[in-house]
Every structure is written in structure tokens, then in C-alpha cells.
């Protein structure tokens, strides 16, 4: 129980008298201090009750003097006054009571027989008692969180316990900014010891959602607060800088104190550990899907199906489209998560990483690529509808459609972000050359390079070099290599394929092979 003026005047042993009951009597007092300075404002803290004997006021003091005095105290954070009588004045000056009442500051008269130290000690005892109670609450709350963490409920149980302990609500946002979990207290039983019951939802949910996304897009550890008329939402990012896992949001009726923040901090640590473990599992899953995609492209569809079936994931039957997706640089992780969530648990959509891009295999119409691109700033190239025995050619189509989408980024609205192969095919003779037969021939021709330990890297370097018209410096800069290292890689491809890349004809052949194979 925090000390208040109402509680103070009820302490009969002190014999205090409230002079104006219409003022604010229930504001919590942070401390009680005594001073007879005419301006004690440098020595008081916020929410202080000030005791004075009035020796700073002589007999000539009038209403303006008392008004100025009270105004200084209010600005400094004083919320109540105690006036000790029979030292300089026989009673409490009426002018002081009027000036204080006008500002909502209660005035308590302290009789001569009551020492100021008794009032200070009364407040100090209550403050210490509250501190002990909050420490005990912190220990109990952290124990409840720990018990939930080692139980079978996982992170959801931990969030539910935190909501119960804070009598508020807890929201967990994923790395894509979408809400993953929401927990509120169980109202069927008594509220736990701790802060008073608060709002169980933010006043403006959309504002909280937007703030979570803003924190994630910054890519740095951060916290913020969203204040509404009846609730305060405290947000904290989860994870390391540039590898954020999500945001934890705690909704309460008032700001969290130190005890509550300590409990929230322990939950943040638990959530980060859990999400890191989930991320490690996701990395393993992505590596598996990349291998499954490699099997599909190489024509080993039955093996790919067997692998996905063994982990409870299906692959689309019948004709499908291949979509190649390039996420935006600044929010790549958010965009990738969003695409993977669309495919989660579905048999008609398969998603796999392909370098820094995503490849999607889906039945026609199974996924709204235009809406997804508009929501997350994606660029997408989509192949014709093909059977699973023609995926290599379809990937090549998707890659060239993606190049067209990236070249026209922002040109004509969000629809231009998704380019179908039909638009590329309308481009004339060169586009017409990219057939399934061309893809198979390219795979055969490039097989000796792919068989090398660093074969995929060599082909990727060659592609970037050709895209820069054979210019070494800009290509090496894009790849993060020294130009001599890039020269060595391209020379290795040259030797393996028996080409002479100093001439246009052999450069054109390598470019065509890379384009045809996707």
C-alpha cells in the first residue's frame, strides 16, 4: 500500500487534520520531506509531500506570496503540503490553504506535539513495506513463469502466465510482424497478487501492430511504448541485431514498474531462447526443401515425394506453375516468412530457398501472388503451367520473367511486380528459344561444372560477370570478391567447358546455357 494523504490523516496516533477534503487525496506519495525554504523546489522529487512550519513567511506575506510559493512547489512535483503549527504561526495561514486548494493540492495541519519525523517515518515504513511486497511478488511471478517454461505448454503457457501475473495481455509478433500468440488472464479465478487488474487489449490494436512492424524493420534491438486512454503497451524486440525473431508486447493499465519489468525481462529471455531454437529448426527445414527442389528439377520426382511424405508434407499433383520470388533487401526476412507462412501445412503450395530468392511450386491459382507482392514488396516471375517432368524449363521461364519484373520495378503499379512467362514469350525470337529441350541441353552441357565442389558458386559468379558485360570491377564488387578471385573462378569455368570467353561467340554460348538452365 502506497502512502496517500487520505491514509495519512486516518492515522489517529499522528493527530493530523485535513483542511480541504475536496482536493486530490489518493495520489501515491513517493516521499515526505520537510523544508522551510522559500523555494525548496531543487530539493524535492516528483510526488513528494512537503512539511513546513512557515518560518519563511513573515506577517506581511499576502496572497501573491503564497500563490507564488505553491506554484513553485507544484512545478517541482509536490502533491501535498503539511503545515506545522505553533512554531511561527498559531494556525495554518488561510492564504496558503486557498492557494493550494486552487491547484488541487491538499493541506494537512500538523499539531505542535507531532514531530515531522513521525510523519516521515510513517511514509517510509509504508514505502518499505510496499517494496518488500513487490520483491515477494517478483519472486512468485518469476517462479510461476519458470514452472510454465518447463511444462508441456511451451512458450504459449509462459505468455499466459505472464498475462495473469500482470493482470494484462501479452501479444507475440513473429519476425514478419504478424501476430502469432495472444494471451490474457484467466478471469474464472481470483486475480494473482500484484498490480491491479488492467485492460486486456490495447486501445488501438492497429497502432500496436504498426509499431511492432516498425521495430522489426529497423533491424536493431529496441523497445517502445504505445500509450492509450486506458492502456499502456510496452513492446520489446526479440533476438539479435539484424536477426530479430519477433516482438513481445505487454498491455497493462499503467506503466510497468521495476518489479514488473524484471518479470517481463525474464520472459523476453525465455522467448528469445525458444524462438532461436525454432529458427534453427527452420534453417534445417529450408535446407531440406532446397535439396527436394534440386531433386524435382533433376527429374527425380518420386524421390522428392518420398522425402516430403516422410515429414508429413505433400507435393501438388498435376500441372503446376513455378514462381521465382525476389524479396526486398531491407525486409527480406519479413517477406520470406510471409511467403513460407502461406505455404505452411498445404499440399498445393511448396516453397524452397534458391540462393537469396524463393522458388514456389503451386497448382494454378493456389496462391495470390499479386496480393502477396503488393503486401511485402516482392518481385515475382511466373512460368507457364507445366508437368513435374518439365520443371527445369519452367524455372528458366520464371527466372527470365523475374528479370523483367525487376527491370520494371515501380513502373506501372503493383501489377507489374508479378510478370508471367507469356509476357516474356511475346518478346520475339530470343524468348522463343527457351524451350524444355534447351533446358535439358543446358543441364547436360553444364553438368561438368556442377559436378565440381564449388560448381554452383562458379556458375553464379559467371552469371554476374556476364550481366556486367564482362566488366571485372563492378561484377567483383557485387559479389564481394577481389577482381583477381573472380577472374580465377571464370577461368575455371572456361577450362571445364572448353570455352574461350575472350570472344563474343563463347560468351554468348555460356550466357545462353545459363539462361536456359534457369
Protein backbone atom coordinates (compact mmCIF):
# COMPACT_ATOMS: atom_id res chain seq x y z
CA UNK A 1 0.00 0.00 0.00
CA UNK A 2 1.50 3.30 -1.12
CA UNK A 3 1.20 6.22 1.36
CA UNK A 4 -1.50 8.75 0.45
CA UNK A 5 -2.90 11.85 2.17
CA UNK A 6 -6.17 10.03 2.86
CA UNK A 7 -4.30 7.20 4.63
CA UNK A 8 -2.13 9.72 6.49
CA UNK A 9 -4.99 11.65 8.08
CA UNK A 10 -6.62 8.36 9.11
CA UNK A 11 -3.54 7.55 11.25
CA UNK A 12 -5.06 8.68 14.57
CA UNK A 13 -1.80 8.49 16.51
CA UNK A 14 -0.45 11.38 14.44
CA UNK A 15 -3.42 13.65 15.16
CA UNK A 16 -3.39 15.37 11.77
CA UNK A 17 -6.26 17.45 10.36
CA UNK A 18 -7.21 17.75 6.69
CA UNK A 19 -8.06 21.36 5.84
CA UNK A 20 -9.67 20.86 2.40
CA UNK A 21 -11.28 17.47 1.67
CA UNK A 22 -12.15 18.44 -1.93
CA UNK A 23 -8.55 18.14 -3.14
CA UNK A 24 -6.77 15.07 -4.53
CA UNK A 25 -6.27 12.78 -1.55
CA UNK A 26 -5.40 9.46 -3.20
CA UNK A 27 -2.30 10.31 -5.20
CA UNK A 28 0.53 7.99 -4.12
CA UNK A 29 3.37 9.75 -2.28
CA UNK A 30 6.92 8.87 -3.26
CA UNK A 31 8.37 10.53 -0.12
CA UNK A 32 7.72 13.05 2.68
CA UNK A 33 10.26 15.87 3.04
CA UNK A 34 10.49 18.92 5.32
CA UNK A 35 11.83 22.36 4.48
CA UNK A 36 11.24 25.97 5.49
CA UNK A 37 13.00 27.41 2.44
CA UNK A 38 11.05 29.91 0.44
CA UNK A 39 11.98 27.91 -2.67
CA UNK A 40 12.64 24.24 -1.77
CA UNK A 41 11.95 23.06 -5.35
CA UNK A 42 15.59 21.96 -6.01
CA UNK A 43 15.36 19.52 -3.10
CA UNK A 44 12.08 17.72 -3.75
CA UNK A 45 11.19 14.88 -6.10
CA UNK A 46 8.08 14.02 -8.09
CA UNK A 47 5.03 13.08 -5.96
CA UNK A 48 6.54 14.47 -2.75
CA UNK A 49 4.62 15.69 0.30
CA UNK A 50 6.33 18.75 1.77
CA UNK A 51 6.20 19.62 5.50
CA UNK A 52 6.88 23.20 6.60
CA UNK A 53 6.48 25.36 9.74
CA UNK A 54 6.00 28.54 7.69
CA UNK A 55 9.02 30.44 9.06
CA UNK A 56 9.72 31.58 5.51
CA UNK A 57 6.57 33.74 5.62
CA UNK A 58 6.55 36.92 7.74
CA UNK A 59 3.50 38.78 8.96
CA UNK A 60 3.45 40.93 5.82
CA UNK A 61 3.07 37.92 3.47
CA UNK A 62 -0.09 38.11 1.39
CA UNK A 63 -1.96 36.00 -1.19
CA UNK A 64 0.54 36.73 -4.02
CA UNK A 65 3.39 35.38 -1.88
CA UNK A 66 1.54 32.18 -1.05
CA UNK A 67 0.38 31.77 -4.66
CA UNK A 68 3.96 32.04 -5.95
CA UNK A 69 5.21 29.63 -3.28
CA UNK A 70 2.63 26.95 -4.08
CA UNK A 71 3.17 27.36 -7.82
CA UNK A 72 6.90 26.67 -7.41
CA UNK A 73 6.12 23.54 -5.40
CA UNK A 74 3.60 22.22 -7.92
CA UNK A 75 6.04 22.70 -10.79
CA UNK A 76 8.67 20.78 -8.79
CA UNK A 77 6.28 17.83 -8.27
CA UNK A 78 4.92 18.41 -4.77
CA UNK A 79 1.42 16.89 -4.47
CA UNK A 80 0.58 17.60 -0.80
CA UNK A 81 1.50 20.03 1.99
CA UNK A 82 1.77 19.58 5.75
CA UNK A 83 1.84 22.71 7.91
CA UNK A 84 3.33 22.56 11.40
CA UNK A 85 1.57 24.98 13.78
CA UNK A 86 2.71 26.89 16.87
CA UNK A 87 6.24 27.47 15.56
CA UNK A 88 5.85 30.67 13.53
CA UNK A 89 2.08 30.75 13.12
CA UNK A 90 -0.64 29.75 15.59
CA UNK A 91 -2.64 28.04 12.84
CA UNK A 92 -2.32 27.32 9.14
CA UNK A 93 -2.47 30.53 7.06
CA UNK A 94 -5.76 30.71 5.17
CA UNK A 95 -3.93 32.20 2.16
CA UNK A 96 -1.79 29.07 1.92
CA UNK A 97 -4.83 26.77 2.04
CA UNK A 98 -6.61 28.82 -0.64
CA UNK A 99 -3.56 28.88 -2.93
CA UNK A 100 -3.02 25.12 -2.56
CA UNK A 101 -6.70 24.21 -2.96
CA UNK A 102 -6.86 26.20 -6.19
CA UNK A 103 -4.24 23.83 -7.59
CA UNK A 104 -5.74 20.62 -6.15
CA UNK A 105 -3.00 20.28 -3.53
CA UNK A 106 -4.32 19.03 -0.14
CA UNK A 107 -3.09 20.77 3.03
CA UNK A 108 -2.76 18.83 6.29
CA UNK A 109 -2.33 20.62 9.61
CA UNK A 110 0.35 19.07 11.85
CA UNK A 111 -0.05 19.92 15.58
CA UNK A 112 2.96 21.04 17.57
CA UNK A 113 3.07 17.77 19.54
CA UNK A 114 3.54 15.72 16.36
CA UNK A 115 7.15 15.81 15.15
CA UNK A 116 7.72 15.91 11.43
CA UNK A 117 9.96 12.84 11.72
CA UNK A 118 6.92 10.82 12.82
CA UNK A 119 5.15 11.68 9.58
CA UNK A 120 8.28 10.90 7.56
CA UNK A 121 8.73 7.57 9.36
CA UNK A 122 5.08 6.62 8.72
CA UNK A 123 5.55 7.17 4.99
CA UNK A 124 8.95 5.44 4.94
CA UNK A 125 7.51 2.35 6.64
CA UNK A 126 4.72 2.06 4.07
CA UNK A 127 7.12 2.57 1.16
CA UNK A 128 9.45 -0.11 2.56
CA UNK A 129 6.51 -2.43 3.12
CA UNK A 130 5.40 -1.96 -0.47
CA UNK A 131 8.95 -2.58 -1.71
CA UNK A 132 9.10 -5.86 0.21
CA UNK A 133 5.69 -6.86 -1.16
CA UNK A 134 6.81 -6.09 -4.72
CA UNK A 135 10.02 -8.09 -4.23
CA UNK A 136 7.95 -11.03 -2.99
CA UNK A 137 5.57 -10.64 -5.93
CA UNK A 138 8.54 -10.61 -8.34
CA UNK A 139 9.89 -13.87 -6.89
CA UNK A 140 6.47 -15.53 -7.08
CA UNK A 141 5.84 -14.29 -10.61
CA UNK A 142 9.25 -15.43 -11.86
CA UNK A 143 8.71 -18.81 -10.22
CA UNK A 144 5.32 -19.14 -11.96
CA UNK A 145 6.94 -18.26 -15.29
CA UNK A 146 9.73 -20.80 -14.72
CA UNK A 147 7.24 -23.55 -13.88
CA UNK A 148 5.32 -22.78 -17.07
CA UNK A 149 8.55 -22.82 -19.09
CA UNK A 150 9.46 -26.38 -18.04
CA UNK A 151 5.91 -27.65 -18.52
CA UNK A 152 4.33 -29.01 -21.66
CA UNK A 153 2.61 -25.78 -22.69
CA UNK A 154 5.76 -24.23 -24.15
CA UNK A 155 6.00 -20.56 -24.96
CA UNK A 156 2.22 -20.13 -25.10
CA UNK A 157 1.95 -21.23 -21.46
CA UNK A 158 4.68 -18.78 -20.45
CA UNK A 159 2.86 -15.90 -22.14
CA UNK A 160 -0.41 -16.88 -20.48
CA UNK A 161 1.23 -16.92 -17.04
CA UNK A 162 2.83 -13.52 -17.69
CA UNK A 163 -0.57 -12.10 -18.63
CA UNK A 164 -2.06 -13.48 -15.41
CA UNK A 165 0.72 -12.10 -13.23
CA UNK A 166 0.43 -8.64 -14.77
CA UNK A 167 -3.38 -8.71 -14.99
CA UNK A 168 -2.96 -7.52 -18.56
CA UNK A 169 -2.49 -9.00 -22.01
CA UNK A 170 0.58 -10.33 -23.83
CA UNK A 171 1.00 -10.35 -27.61
CA UNK A 172 3.75 -12.13 -29.55
CA UNK A 173 4.57 -10.96 -33.07
CA UNK A 174 6.64 -13.10 -35.44
CA UNK A 175 9.60 -11.86 -37.45
CA UNK A 176 7.18 -10.96 -40.26
CA UNK A 177 5.23 -8.62 -37.97
CA UNK A 178 2.15 -10.85 -37.84
CA UNK A 179 0.55 -11.76 -34.51
CA UNK A 180 1.45 -15.32 -33.54
CA UNK A 181 0.04 -15.57 -30.00
CA UNK A 182 -2.21 -13.54 -27.72
CA UNK A 183 -2.65 -14.30 -24.01
CA UNK A 184 -4.98 -12.79 -21.40
CA UNK A 185 -5.63 -13.59 -17.73
CA UNK A 186 -7.97 -16.41 -16.79
CA UNK A 187 -10.90 -14.46 -15.29
CA UNK A 188 -12.52 -17.60 -13.85
CA UNK A 189 -10.44 -17.44 -10.66
CA UNK A 190 -9.13 -14.75 -8.32
CA UNK A 191 -6.58 -12.31 -9.69
CA UNK A 192 -2.99 -13.03 -8.60
CA UNK A 193 -1.23 -10.81 -6.11
CA UNK A 194 0.38 -7.95 -7.96
CA UNK A 195 -0.65 -4.90 -9.98
CA UNK A 196 -4.34 -4.03 -10.15
CA UNK A 197 -6.38 -5.53 -12.97
CA UNK A 198 -5.82 -3.61 -16.19
CA UNK A 199 -7.08 -3.54 -19.75
CA UNK A 200 -6.63 -6.85 -21.56
CA UNK A 201 -6.38 -5.28 -25.00
CA UNK A 202 -4.67 -2.19 -26.38
CA UNK A 203 -6.88 0.84 -27.04
CA UNK A 204 -5.68 0.97 -30.65
CA UNK A 205 -4.67 -2.54 -31.86
CA UNK A 206 -3.72 -1.31 -35.33
CA UNK A 207 -1.30 1.22 -33.85
CA UNK A 208 0.36 -1.51 -31.78
CA UNK A 209 0.61 -3.79 -34.83
CA UNK A 210 2.20 -0.99 -36.87
CA UNK A 211 4.67 -0.24 -34.08
CA UNK A 212 5.74 -3.90 -33.94
CA UNK A 213 6.39 -3.89 -37.70
CA UNK A 214 8.32 -0.60 -37.42
CA UNK A 215 10.61 -2.03 -34.73
CA UNK A 216 11.27 -5.16 -36.82
CA UNK A 217 12.08 -3.19 -39.96
CA UNK A 218 14.68 -1.15 -38.06
CA UNK A 219 16.65 -4.38 -37.67
CA UNK A 220 18.05 -3.43 -34.25
CA UNK A 221 17.22 -4.35 -30.66
CA UNK A 222 14.79 -1.75 -29.39
CA UNK A 223 11.80 -1.12 -27.17
CA UNK A 224 8.97 1.38 -27.29
CA UNK A 225 5.70 2.27 -25.60
CA UNK A 226 2.26 2.94 -27.06
CA UNK A 227 0.08 4.90 -24.64
CA UNK A 228 -3.71 4.99 -24.96
CA UNK A 229 -6.54 6.39 -22.84
CA UNK A 230 -6.94 3.22 -20.77
CA UNK A 231 -3.89 1.11 -21.55
CA UNK A 232 -0.11 1.20 -21.91
CA UNK A 233 1.54 -1.23 -24.34
CA UNK A 234 5.25 -1.92 -23.83
CA UNK A 235 6.99 -3.51 -26.85
CA UNK A 236 10.39 -5.24 -26.87
CA UNK A 237 12.15 -6.83 -29.84
CA UNK A 238 13.34 -10.42 -29.56
CA UNK A 239 16.63 -11.65 -30.99
CA UNK A 240 19.96 -10.20 -32.01
CA UNK A 241 20.61 -7.14 -34.15
CA UNK A 242 19.90 -7.87 -37.84
CA UNK A 243 18.43 -11.24 -36.80
CA UNK A 244 15.26 -10.27 -34.98
CA UNK A 245 12.86 -13.11 -34.18
CA UNK A 246 9.81 -11.08 -33.24
CA UNK A 247 8.33 -8.59 -30.78
CA UNK A 248 6.82 -9.14 -27.33
CA UNK A 249 4.08 -6.66 -26.40
CA UNK A 250 2.70 -6.34 -22.85
CA UNK A 251 -0.58 -4.48 -22.37
CA UNK A 252 -1.38 -3.13 -18.89
CA UNK A 253 -3.44 -0.35 -17.38
CA UNK A 254 -0.36 1.68 -16.38
CA UNK A 255 3.39 1.82 -16.91
CA UNK A 256 5.34 -1.22 -15.74
CA UNK A 257 7.30 -0.64 -12.53
CA UNK A 258 10.75 -2.13 -11.87
CA UNK A 259 9.31 -5.33 -10.40
CA UNK A 260 7.06 -5.95 -13.41
CA UNK A 261 9.88 -5.10 -15.83
CA UNK A 262 12.09 -7.69 -14.15
CA UNK A 263 9.47 -10.38 -14.78
CA UNK A 264 8.97 -9.24 -18.37
CA UNK A 265 12.75 -9.34 -18.92
CA UNK A 266 12.87 -12.98 -17.80
CA UNK A 267 10.06 -13.82 -20.24
CA UNK A 268 11.91 -11.98 -23.04
CA UNK A 269 14.95 -14.21 -22.38
CA UNK A 270 12.79 -17.36 -22.47
CA UNK A 271 11.03 -16.23 -25.64
CA UNK A 272 14.34 -15.48 -27.38
CA UNK A 273 15.68 -18.93 -26.48
CA UNK A 274 12.53 -20.61 -27.78
CA UNK A 275 12.46 -18.59 -31.00
CA UNK A 276 16.18 -19.22 -31.60
CA UNK A 277 15.50 -22.94 -31.31
CA UNK A 278 12.59 -22.63 -33.72
CA UNK A 279 14.78 -20.67 -36.13
CA UNK A 280 17.43 -23.40 -36.06
CA UNK A 281 14.75 -25.96 -36.87
CA UNK A 282 13.51 -23.73 -39.69
CA UNK A 283 17.03 -23.45 -41.14
CA UNK A 284 17.23 -27.22 -41.22
CA UNK A 285 13.84 -27.41 -42.89
CA UNK A 286 14.85 -24.85 -45.50
CA UNK A 287 17.99 -26.82 -46.32
CA UNK A 288 15.85 -29.94 -46.76
CA UNK A 289 13.41 -28.12 -49.06
CA UNK A 290 16.34 -26.83 -51.14
CA UNK A 291 17.51 -30.42 -51.66
CA UNK A 292 13.96 -31.51 -52.50
CA UNK A 293 13.75 -28.77 -55.12
CA UNK A 294 17.08 -29.89 -56.61
CA UNK A 295 15.64 -33.41 -56.91
CA UNK A 296 12.49 -32.09 -58.59
CA UNK A 297 14.44 -30.04 -61.13
CA UNK A 298 16.68 -33.00 -61.93
CA UNK A 299 13.62 -35.14 -62.67
CA UNK A 300 13.71 -37.33 -59.55
CA UNK A 301 10.13 -36.50 -58.62
CA UNK A 302 9.40 -39.83 -56.91
CA UNK A 303 12.36 -39.41 -54.55
CA UNK A 304 11.28 -35.85 -53.75
CA UNK A 305 7.74 -37.02 -52.99
CA UNK A 306 9.03 -39.77 -50.72
CA UNK A 307 11.11 -37.29 -48.72
CA UNK A 308 8.30 -34.78 -48.28
CA UNK A 309 5.84 -37.53 -47.42
CA UNK A 310 8.17 -38.81 -44.69
CA UNK A 311 7.98 -35.45 -42.89
CA UNK A 312 4.23 -35.03 -43.37
CA UNK A 313 4.32 -32.59 -46.28
CA UNK A 314 2.68 -33.15 -49.63
CA UNK A 315 3.51 -32.00 -53.14
CA UNK A 316 0.96 -30.75 -55.63
CA UNK A 317 -0.33 -33.32 -58.10
CA UNK A 318 -0.85 -32.49 -61.74
CA UNK A 319 0.17 -29.42 -63.74
CA UNK A 320 1.75 -26.61 -61.74
CA UNK A 321 3.43 -23.24 -62.12
CA UNK A 322 6.88 -22.26 -60.91
CA UNK A 323 7.20 -18.81 -59.37
CA UNK A 324 10.58 -17.27 -58.57
CA UNK A 325 10.36 -14.58 -55.88
CA UNK A 326 12.87 -11.86 -55.07
CA UNK A 327 12.25 -10.26 -51.63
CA UNK A 328 13.17 -6.62 -50.98
CA UNK A 329 16.60 -6.12 -49.44
CA UNK A 330 15.51 -4.07 -46.42
CA UNK A 331 12.85 -6.50 -45.22
CA UNK A 332 13.89 -9.79 -46.82
CA UNK A 333 13.37 -11.86 -43.66
CA UNK A 334 9.85 -10.50 -43.14
CA UNK A 335 8.91 -11.19 -46.75
CA UNK A 336 10.35 -14.71 -46.76
CA UNK A 337 8.50 -15.56 -43.56
CA UNK A 338 5.26 -14.26 -45.08
CA UNK A 339 5.60 -16.48 -48.16
CA UNK A 340 6.50 -19.53 -46.08
CA UNK A 341 3.51 -18.97 -43.81
CA UNK A 342 1.21 -19.01 -46.84
CA UNK A 343 2.58 -22.43 -47.79
CA UNK A 344 2.64 -23.90 -44.27
CA UNK A 345 0.62 -27.10 -43.96
CA UNK A 346 -0.56 -27.06 -47.60
CA UNK A 347 -0.06 -29.74 -50.23
CA UNK A 348 -0.81 -27.46 -53.21
CA UNK A 349 2.00 -24.98 -52.49
CA UNK A 350 5.68 -25.87 -51.99
CA UNK A 351 8.31 -23.24 -51.13
CA UNK A 352 12.09 -23.68 -51.16
CA UNK A 353 15.03 -21.27 -50.90
CA UNK A 354 17.08 -20.73 -54.04
CA UNK A 355 20.07 -18.57 -53.16
CA UNK A 356 18.69 -15.29 -51.85
CA UNK A 357 15.38 -15.92 -53.61
CA UNK A 358 12.43 -18.27 -53.11
CA UNK A 359 11.04 -20.74 -55.59
CA UNK A 360 7.37 -21.71 -55.34
CA UNK A 361 5.75 -24.76 -56.93
CA UNK A 362 1.97 -24.46 -56.83
CA UNK A 363 -1.17 -25.53 -58.62
CA UNK A 364 -2.58 -22.68 -60.74
CA UNK A 365 -4.49 -20.18 -58.62
CA UNK A 366 -3.45 -21.74 -55.29
CA UNK A 367 -1.65 -18.59 -54.17
CA UNK A 368 -2.46 -14.93 -54.83
CA UNK A 369 0.96 -13.71 -55.91
CA UNK A 370 -0.21 -10.20 -56.82
CA UNK A 371 -1.61 -9.58 -53.32
CA UNK A 372 1.47 -11.10 -51.69
CA UNK A 373 3.79 -8.95 -53.81
CA UNK A 374 1.84 -5.79 -53.02
CA UNK A 375 1.85 -6.51 -49.28
CA UNK A 376 5.57 -7.27 -48.98
CA UNK A 377 7.31 -5.50 -51.87
CA UNK A 378 8.12 -8.71 -53.77
CA UNK A 379 9.14 -9.11 -57.41
CA UNK A 380 7.87 -12.34 -58.98
CA UNK A 381 8.37 -14.21 -62.24
CA UNK A 382 5.87 -16.96 -63.09
CA UNK A 383 6.28 -19.80 -65.58
CA UNK A 384 3.73 -21.45 -67.82
CA UNK A 385 1.70 -24.33 -66.41
CA UNK A 386 3.87 -27.46 -66.75
CA UNK A 387 4.09 -31.03 -65.56
CA UNK A 388 6.62 -32.05 -62.91
CA UNK A 389 8.82 -33.54 -65.61
CA UNK A 390 9.43 -30.09 -67.10
CA UNK A 391 10.41 -28.08 -64.01
CA UNK A 392 13.91 -27.20 -65.21
CA UNK A 393 12.49 -25.33 -68.20
CA UNK A 394 9.79 -23.78 -66.05
CA UNK A 395 12.44 -22.46 -63.65
CA UNK A 396 14.23 -20.88 -66.59
CA UNK A 397 10.98 -19.22 -67.65
CA UNK A 398 10.36 -17.93 -64.12
CA UNK A 399 13.89 -16.58 -63.87
CA UNK A 400 13.56 -14.57 -67.06
CA UNK A 401 10.10 -13.35 -66.09
CA UNK A 402 11.55 -12.23 -62.74
CA UNK A 403 14.29 -10.30 -64.54
CA UNK A 404 11.57 -8.42 -66.43
CA UNK A 405 9.69 -7.73 -63.18
CA UNK A 406 12.84 -6.37 -61.55
CA UNK A 407 13.70 -4.25 -64.58
CA UNK A 408 10.29 -2.59 -64.44
CA UNK A 409 10.16 -2.19 -60.63
CA UNK A 410 7.73 0.54 -59.71
CA UNK A 411 6.96 1.38 -63.33
CA UNK A 412 3.24 0.70 -63.50
CA UNK A 413 1.98 -0.20 -60.04
CA UNK A 414 1.88 -3.42 -58.08
CA UNK A 415 0.60 -5.49 -61.02
CA UNK A 416 4.00 -5.04 -62.69
CA UNK A 417 5.62 -6.75 -59.71
CA UNK A 418 4.35 -10.13 -60.96
CA UNK A 419 5.33 -10.99 -64.54
CA UNK A 420 4.02 -14.16 -66.25
CA UNK A 421 6.06 -16.04 -68.82
CA UNK A 422 3.52 -15.18 -71.50
CA UNK A 423 4.66 -11.57 -71.41
CA UNK A 424 8.29 -12.62 -71.87
CA UNK A 425 7.38 -15.05 -74.65
CA UNK A 426 5.81 -12.18 -76.55
CA UNK A 427 9.28 -10.69 -76.81
CA UNK A 428 10.23 -12.44 -80.04
CA UNK A 429 12.94 -14.82 -81.25
CA UNK A 430 15.23 -14.93 -78.19
CA UNK A 431 12.37 -15.68 -75.85
CA UNK A 432 11.13 -18.41 -78.16
CA UNK A 433 14.48 -20.23 -77.86
CA UNK A 434 13.94 -21.10 -74.18
CA UNK A 435 12.28 -24.48 -74.51
CA UNK A 436 12.39 -27.59 -72.32
CA UNK A 437 14.77 -29.13 -74.87
CA UNK A 438 17.05 -26.13 -74.44
CA UNK A 439 16.92 -26.56 -70.66
CA UNK A 440 17.87 -30.25 -70.90
CA UNK A 441 20.72 -29.47 -73.29
CA UNK A 442 21.98 -26.72 -70.97
CA UNK A 443 21.86 -29.05 -67.95
CA UNK A 444 23.91 -31.64 -69.85
CA UNK A 445 26.42 -29.09 -71.08
CA UNK A 446 26.89 -27.51 -67.63
CA UNK A 447 26.98 -30.83 -65.75
CA UNK A 448 30.85 -30.94 -65.59
CA UNK A 449 30.87 -27.59 -63.79
CA UNK A 450 28.04 -28.54 -61.44
CA UNK A 451 29.95 -31.71 -60.54
CA UNK A 452 32.75 -29.60 -59.02
CA UNK A 453 32.61 -28.92 -55.27
CA UNK A 454 32.16 -25.21 -55.93
CA UNK A 455 30.26 -25.65 -59.19
CA UNK A 456 27.15 -23.69 -58.23
CA UNK A 457 29.27 -20.80 -56.96
CA UNK A 458 31.31 -20.79 -60.19
CA UNK A 459 28.17 -20.58 -62.34
CA UNK A 460 26.70 -17.84 -60.13
CA UNK A 461 29.91 -15.80 -60.48
CA UNK A 462 29.88 -16.31 -64.25
CA UNK A 463 26.28 -15.16 -64.46
CA UNK A 464 27.02 -11.92 -62.58
CA UNK A 465 30.13 -11.32 -64.71
CA UNK A 466 28.15 -11.70 -67.93
CA UNK A 467 25.37 -9.46 -66.57
CA UNK A 468 28.07 -6.77 -66.21
CA UNK A 469 29.10 -7.25 -69.85
CA UNK A 470 32.36 -8.94 -68.81
CA UNK A 471 33.48 -5.98 -66.68
CA UNK A 472 35.54 -7.34 -63.78
CA UNK A 473 35.42 -4.48 -61.27
CA UNK A 474 31.63 -3.97 -60.93
CA UNK A 475 30.97 -7.73 -61.05
CA UNK A 476 33.56 -8.41 -58.33
CA UNK A 477 32.14 -5.59 -56.22
CA UNK A 478 28.63 -7.05 -56.42
CA UNK A 479 29.93 -10.48 -55.45
CA UNK A 480 32.12 -9.18 -52.65
CA UNK A 481 35.26 -10.60 -54.27
CA UNK A 482 38.57 -9.24 -55.45
CA UNK A 483 38.66 -8.97 -59.23
CA UNK A 484 41.54 -11.49 -59.42
CA UNK A 485 39.47 -14.00 -57.43
CA UNK A 486 36.59 -13.51 -59.86
CA UNK A 487 38.96 -13.95 -62.83
CA UNK A 488 40.15 -17.24 -61.36
CA UNK A 489 36.57 -18.54 -60.98
CA UNK A 490 35.53 -17.58 -64.50
CA UNK A 491 38.75 -19.12 -65.87
CA UNK A 492 37.89 -22.38 -64.11
CA UNK A 493 34.50 -22.44 -65.83
CA UNK A 494 36.22 -21.62 -69.11
CA UNK A 495 38.62 -24.58 -68.77
CA UNK A 496 35.96 -27.02 -67.62
CA UNK A 497 33.62 -26.24 -70.52
CA UNK A 498 36.35 -25.83 -73.13
CA UNK A 499 35.31 -22.28 -73.98
CA UNK A 500 37.29 -19.17 -74.78
CA UNK A 501 35.46 -16.37 -73.01
CA UNK A 502 37.60 -13.66 -74.56
CA UNK A 503 35.41 -13.87 -77.65
CA UNK A 504 31.77 -12.94 -78.16
CA UNK A 505 30.62 -16.32 -79.51
CA UNK A 506 31.72 -18.35 -76.50
CA UNK A 507 30.45 -15.70 -74.08
CA UNK A 508 27.08 -15.83 -75.86
CA UNK A 509 27.04 -19.63 -75.59
CA UNK A 510 27.73 -19.52 -71.83
CA UNK A 511 25.07 -16.83 -71.39
CA UNK A 512 22.56 -18.94 -73.32
CA UNK A 513 23.39 -22.04 -71.26
CA UNK A 514 22.92 -20.16 -68.01
CA UNK A 515 19.66 -18.61 -69.21
CA UNK A 516 18.26 -21.89 -70.46
CA UNK A 517 19.03 -23.78 -67.27
CA UNK A 518 17.47 -21.07 -65.09
